[in-house]
């Protein structure tokens, strides 16, 4: 397999201004590689920096130090720490997907419009995007009467399924999952696990956080344990900002 992501000596600290500008260390000196089509599971207790690591890769957070290299199939690498904000947005739009624990809904925007928005932004015709979305709605067992309803009224599990569908519809080559089954019942957890297993067969690389060790064992090709909690130390200056079910995931 070819290398897809390489993280080198990554560090993340948060300055706590209410605590005399001391820092809390989310994680320290993390290095690992992920091959194309591989699933890397991240394990560790709450507060050990798992979500912070995911957010640094997606660049919701700037890193304190270190490098994150994303490789294409030809072996060329981009350092996600150093590229511009515009370049990072392009990476997010075309190559890197992120599923958080929560769906932040906009009032009076339907579930269908939320799900198809990434395709519309890429220039798809609405009719074609809707047809693709319908296959996902059926796969995720979302009742038809909810397709044009507002997710602000949905249950937590239904919101999370919409959240995942919105990311999967655009089929990124690399997927970051931050506890995607956390608010789902047993039936829907099984659906999501089946989808993730299908993604693995299509060479979609995944980094995922799962609190359930059985789910992690089922999915992960290898595991990165974060076994050190955040701690306080003297502040270190931050660097400048740089800027199977008939549904085919590949576009």
Protein backbone atom coordinates (compact mmCIF):
# COMPACT_ATOMS: atom_id res chain seq x y z
CA UNK A 1 0.00 0.00 0.00
CA UNK A 2 1.09 3.59 -0.62
CA UNK A 3 1.39 6.18 2.11
CA UNK A 4 -1.63 8.50 2.35
CA UNK A 5 -1.01 10.55 5.51
CA UNK A 6 2.08 11.13 7.61
CA UNK A 7 2.05 12.98 10.92
CA UNK A 8 5.48 14.02 12.22
CA UNK A 9 6.20 15.17 15.81
CA UNK A 10 2.83 16.89 16.15
CA UNK A 11 2.09 18.98 19.22
CA UNK A 12 -1.00 20.91 20.24
CA UNK A 13 -1.39 23.27 23.18
CA UNK A 14 -4.21 25.61 24.15
CA UNK A 15 -3.41 28.89 25.91
CA UNK A 16 -5.65 29.34 28.94
CA UNK A 17 -5.90 33.11 29.38
CA UNK A 18 -8.07 32.75 32.49
CA UNK A 19 -5.23 30.76 34.09
CA UNK A 20 -2.48 33.35 33.67
CA UNK A 21 -1.73 32.29 30.07
CA UNK A 22 -0.73 28.79 30.98
CA UNK A 23 -1.12 26.06 28.42
CA UNK A 24 -3.02 22.83 28.43
CA UNK A 25 -1.28 20.21 26.32
CA UNK A 26 -3.78 18.29 24.20
CA UNK A 27 -1.11 15.90 22.90
CA UNK A 28 2.67 15.88 22.58
CA UNK A 29 5.11 14.59 19.96
CA UNK A 30 2.65 12.41 17.99
CA UNK A 31 4.00 10.65 14.89
CA UNK A 32 2.30 8.03 12.69
CA UNK A 33 1.53 7.08 9.10
CA UNK A 34 -1.65 5.83 7.45
CA UNK A 35 -1.58 3.94 4.16
CA UNK A 36 -4.14 4.41 1.40
CA UNK A 37 -7.30 2.42 2.17
CA UNK A 38 -6.25 1.75 5.78
CA UNK A 39 -8.33 2.36 8.91
CA UNK A 40 -6.45 3.87 11.85
CA UNK A 41 -8.37 3.78 15.11
CA UNK A 42 -7.56 6.28 17.86
CA UNK A 43 -8.11 5.08 21.41
CA UNK A 44 -7.83 6.76 24.79
CA UNK A 45 -9.88 8.18 27.62
CA UNK A 46 -11.84 11.43 27.42
CA UNK A 47 -9.52 14.42 27.69
CA UNK A 48 -6.54 12.65 26.13
CA UNK A 49 -6.57 14.70 22.90
CA UNK A 50 -8.29 12.36 20.44
CA UNK A 51 -10.73 14.91 19.00
CA UNK A 52 -8.05 17.61 19.05
CA UNK A 53 -5.81 15.42 16.90
CA UNK A 54 -8.62 14.90 14.36
CA UNK A 55 -9.35 18.63 14.30
CA UNK A 56 -5.68 19.45 13.72
CA UNK A 57 -5.61 17.17 10.68
CA UNK A 58 -8.76 18.84 9.33
CA UNK A 59 -7.27 22.16 10.46
CA UNK A 60 -10.13 23.29 12.61
CA UNK A 61 -7.23 23.80 15.03
CA UNK A 62 -3.79 25.12 14.20
CA UNK A 63 -0.99 22.91 15.49
CA UNK A 64 1.62 24.25 17.90
CA UNK A 65 4.41 22.45 16.07
CA UNK A 66 4.97 19.51 13.74
CA UNK A 67 3.89 18.52 10.24
CA UNK A 68 0.98 16.75 8.54
CA UNK A 69 1.67 15.45 5.04
CA UNK A 70 -1.19 14.39 2.75
CA UNK A 71 -0.04 12.30 -0.24
CA UNK A 72 -1.69 11.84 -3.61
CA UNK A 73 -1.54 8.56 -5.56
CA UNK A 74 1.61 9.67 -7.35
CA UNK A 75 3.41 10.10 -4.03
CA UNK A 76 3.39 13.91 -4.01
CA UNK A 77 2.78 15.46 -0.60
CA UNK A 78 1.18 18.63 0.71
CA UNK A 79 1.96 19.82 4.23
CA UNK A 80 -1.45 20.66 5.69
CA UNK A 81 0.23 22.76 8.37
CA UNK A 82 1.82 25.12 5.84
CA UNK A 83 -0.64 25.49 2.97
CA UNK A 84 -2.91 28.54 2.72
CA UNK A 85 -6.48 28.65 3.98
CA UNK A 86 -7.75 28.66 0.39
CA UNK A 87 -5.68 25.56 -0.43
CA UNK A 88 -6.97 23.86 2.71
CA UNK A 89 -10.57 24.60 1.74
CA UNK A 90 -9.92 22.96 -1.63
CA UNK A 91 -8.50 19.89 0.15
CA UNK A 92 -11.64 19.73 2.31
CA UNK A 93 -13.94 20.11 -0.70
CA UNK A 94 -12.33 17.43 -2.83
CA UNK A 95 -10.23 15.06 -0.72
CA UNK A 96 -10.81 15.23 3.04
CA UNK A 97 -14.12 14.60 4.83
CA UNK A 98 -14.90 15.13 8.51
CA UNK A 99 -17.78 13.75 10.58
CA UNK A 100 -18.11 15.25 14.06
CA UNK A 101 -20.25 14.05 16.93
CA UNK A 102 -22.87 16.70 16.22
CA UNK A 103 -24.98 18.16 13.39
CA UNK A 104 -25.44 21.90 13.61
CA UNK A 105 -28.65 22.54 11.75
CA UNK A 106 -29.82 25.71 10.03
CA UNK A 107 -33.49 26.58 10.64
CA UNK A 108 -35.83 25.89 7.71
CA UNK A 109 -33.24 23.98 5.67
CA UNK A 110 -34.48 20.50 4.81
CA UNK A 111 -32.59 17.28 5.36
CA UNK A 112 -32.41 16.76 1.58
CA UNK A 113 -30.87 20.19 1.00
CA UNK A 114 -28.35 19.66 3.80
CA UNK A 115 -27.23 16.35 2.30
CA UNK A 116 -26.95 17.50 -1.32
CA UNK A 117 -25.26 20.84 -0.59
CA UNK A 118 -21.68 19.52 -1.11
CA UNK A 119 -22.60 18.24 -4.57
CA UNK A 120 -24.40 21.46 -5.51
CA UNK A 121 -21.29 23.39 -4.44
CA UNK A 122 -19.29 21.21 -6.86
CA UNK A 123 -21.59 22.12 -9.72
CA UNK A 124 -23.89 19.09 -9.84
CA UNK A 125 -27.38 19.58 -11.24
CA UNK A 126 -29.96 19.44 -8.45
CA UNK A 127 -31.87 16.51 -9.99
CA UNK A 128 -28.75 14.35 -10.24
CA UNK A 129 -27.66 15.26 -6.69
CA UNK A 130 -31.13 14.43 -5.32
CA UNK A 131 -31.11 11.02 -6.99
CA UNK A 132 -27.78 10.22 -5.37
CA UNK A 133 -29.05 11.47 -2.01
CA UNK A 134 -32.18 9.31 -2.23
CA UNK A 135 -30.00 6.18 -2.35
CA UNK A 136 -28.30 7.30 0.86
CA UNK A 137 -31.61 8.13 2.58
CA UNK A 138 -32.83 4.61 1.80
CA UNK A 139 -29.54 3.05 2.87
CA UNK A 140 -29.57 4.92 6.19
CA UNK A 141 -33.23 4.05 6.76
CA UNK A 142 -34.45 7.67 6.97
CA UNK A 143 -38.27 7.68 6.55
CA UNK A 144 -39.45 9.40 3.39
CA UNK A 145 -41.57 11.87 5.34
CA UNK A 146 -38.35 13.24 6.89
CA UNK A 147 -36.50 13.87 3.63
CA UNK A 148 -38.07 17.31 3.27
CA UNK A 149 -38.39 17.96 7.00
CA UNK A 150 -36.13 20.14 9.13
CA UNK A 151 -33.39 18.23 11.04
CA UNK A 152 -33.74 20.66 13.95
CA UNK A 153 -36.78 18.54 14.87
CA UNK A 154 -35.00 15.17 14.49
CA UNK A 155 -33.78 12.85 17.21
CA UNK A 156 -30.07 12.73 18.04
CA UNK A 157 -29.61 9.52 16.09
CA UNK A 158 -31.40 10.88 13.02
CA UNK A 159 -29.29 14.05 13.11
CA UNK A 160 -26.11 12.01 13.24
CA UNK A 161 -27.17 9.93 10.25
CA UNK A 162 -27.82 13.13 8.27
CA UNK A 163 -24.42 14.39 9.41
CA UNK A 164 -22.68 11.28 8.08
CA UNK A 165 -24.69 11.25 4.86
CA UNK A 166 -23.71 14.84 4.11
CA UNK A 167 -20.04 13.84 4.26
CA UNK A 168 -20.33 10.53 2.45
CA UNK A 169 -22.34 11.85 -0.49
CA UNK A 170 -19.25 13.62 -1.84
CA UNK A 171 -17.07 10.53 -1.32
CA UNK A 172 -13.81 11.99 -0.03
CA UNK A 173 -10.67 9.90 -0.44
CA UNK A 174 -9.83 10.40 3.24
CA UNK A 175 -12.39 10.39 6.05
CA UNK A 176 -12.04 11.61 9.64
CA UNK A 177 -14.62 10.19 12.06
CA UNK A 178 -15.07 11.65 15.53
CA UNK A 179 -17.27 9.13 17.38
CA UNK A 180 -19.82 8.74 14.55
CA UNK A 181 -21.87 6.12 16.42
CA UNK A 182 -21.96 7.91 19.78
CA UNK A 183 -25.65 8.92 19.69
CA UNK A 184 -27.05 6.01 17.70
CA UNK A 185 -29.13 3.06 18.81
CA UNK A 186 -28.03 -0.53 18.17
CA UNK A 187 -29.74 -0.77 14.77
CA UNK A 188 -28.25 2.44 13.44
CA UNK A 189 -24.84 1.70 14.89
CA UNK A 190 -24.87 -1.53 12.90
CA UNK A 191 -25.81 0.41 9.73
CA UNK A 192 -22.92 2.84 10.21
CA UNK A 193 -20.45 0.04 10.91
CA UNK A 194 -21.54 -1.73 7.72
CA UNK A 195 -21.07 1.48 5.74
CA UNK A 196 -17.58 2.00 7.14
CA UNK A 197 -16.66 -1.58 6.27
CA UNK A 198 -17.86 -0.91 2.72
CA UNK A 199 -15.78 2.27 2.54
CA UNK A 200 -12.70 0.25 3.44
CA UNK A 201 -13.22 -1.98 0.40
CA UNK A 202 -13.18 1.10 -1.86
CA UNK A 203 -9.74 2.36 -0.78
CA UNK A 204 -11.14 5.22 1.29
CA UNK A 205 -8.65 5.91 4.05
CA UNK A 206 -10.15 6.46 7.51
CA UNK A 207 -9.04 7.74 10.88
CA UNK A 208 -11.72 7.10 13.47
CA UNK A 209 -12.39 7.64 17.16
CA UNK A 210 -14.62 5.03 18.77
CA UNK A 211 -15.15 4.68 22.51
CA UNK A 212 -16.49 1.15 22.08
CA UNK A 213 -13.44 -1.17 21.95
CA UNK A 214 -15.45 -3.83 20.13
CA UNK A 215 -16.26 -1.41 17.32
CA UNK A 216 -12.63 -0.35 17.15
CA UNK A 217 -11.44 -3.95 17.00
CA UNK A 218 -13.98 -4.68 14.27
CA UNK A 219 -12.90 -1.81 12.02
CA UNK A 220 -9.32 -0.78 12.71
CA UNK A 221 -6.34 -2.15 10.82
CA UNK A 222 -4.15 -0.60 13.49
CA UNK A 223 -4.68 1.55 16.58
CA UNK A 224 -2.98 4.68 17.88
CA UNK A 225 -3.36 4.82 21.68
CA UNK A 226 -3.34 8.27 23.26
CA UNK A 227 -2.54 7.35 26.83
CA UNK A 228 -1.52 10.69 28.31
CA UNK A 229 -4.04 13.30 29.49
CA UNK A 230 -3.68 17.00 28.87
CA UNK A 231 -1.63 18.83 31.50
CA UNK A 232 -0.60 22.36 32.41
CA UNK A 233 2.84 23.81 31.80
CA UNK A 234 4.41 27.17 31.12
CA UNK A 235 3.07 28.80 27.98
CA UNK A 236 4.89 28.21 24.70
CA UNK A 237 4.21 30.76 21.96
CA UNK A 238 1.88 29.59 19.20
CA UNK A 239 3.29 29.75 15.64
CA UNK A 240 1.64 32.15 13.17
CA UNK A 241 -1.57 30.93 11.53
CA UNK A 242 -1.12 29.37 8.07
CA UNK A 243 -3.49 30.46 7.17
CA UNK A 244 -22.90 -3.26 -0.58
CA UNK A 245 -26.51 -1.86 -0.57
CA UNK A 246 -26.58 -0.72 -4.16
CA UNK A 247 -24.91 2.59 -3.28
CA UNK A 248 -21.50 3.23 -4.81
CA UNK A 249 -19.42 5.64 -2.77
CA UNK A 250 -16.89 6.45 -5.46
CA UNK A 251 -17.95 9.25 -7.80
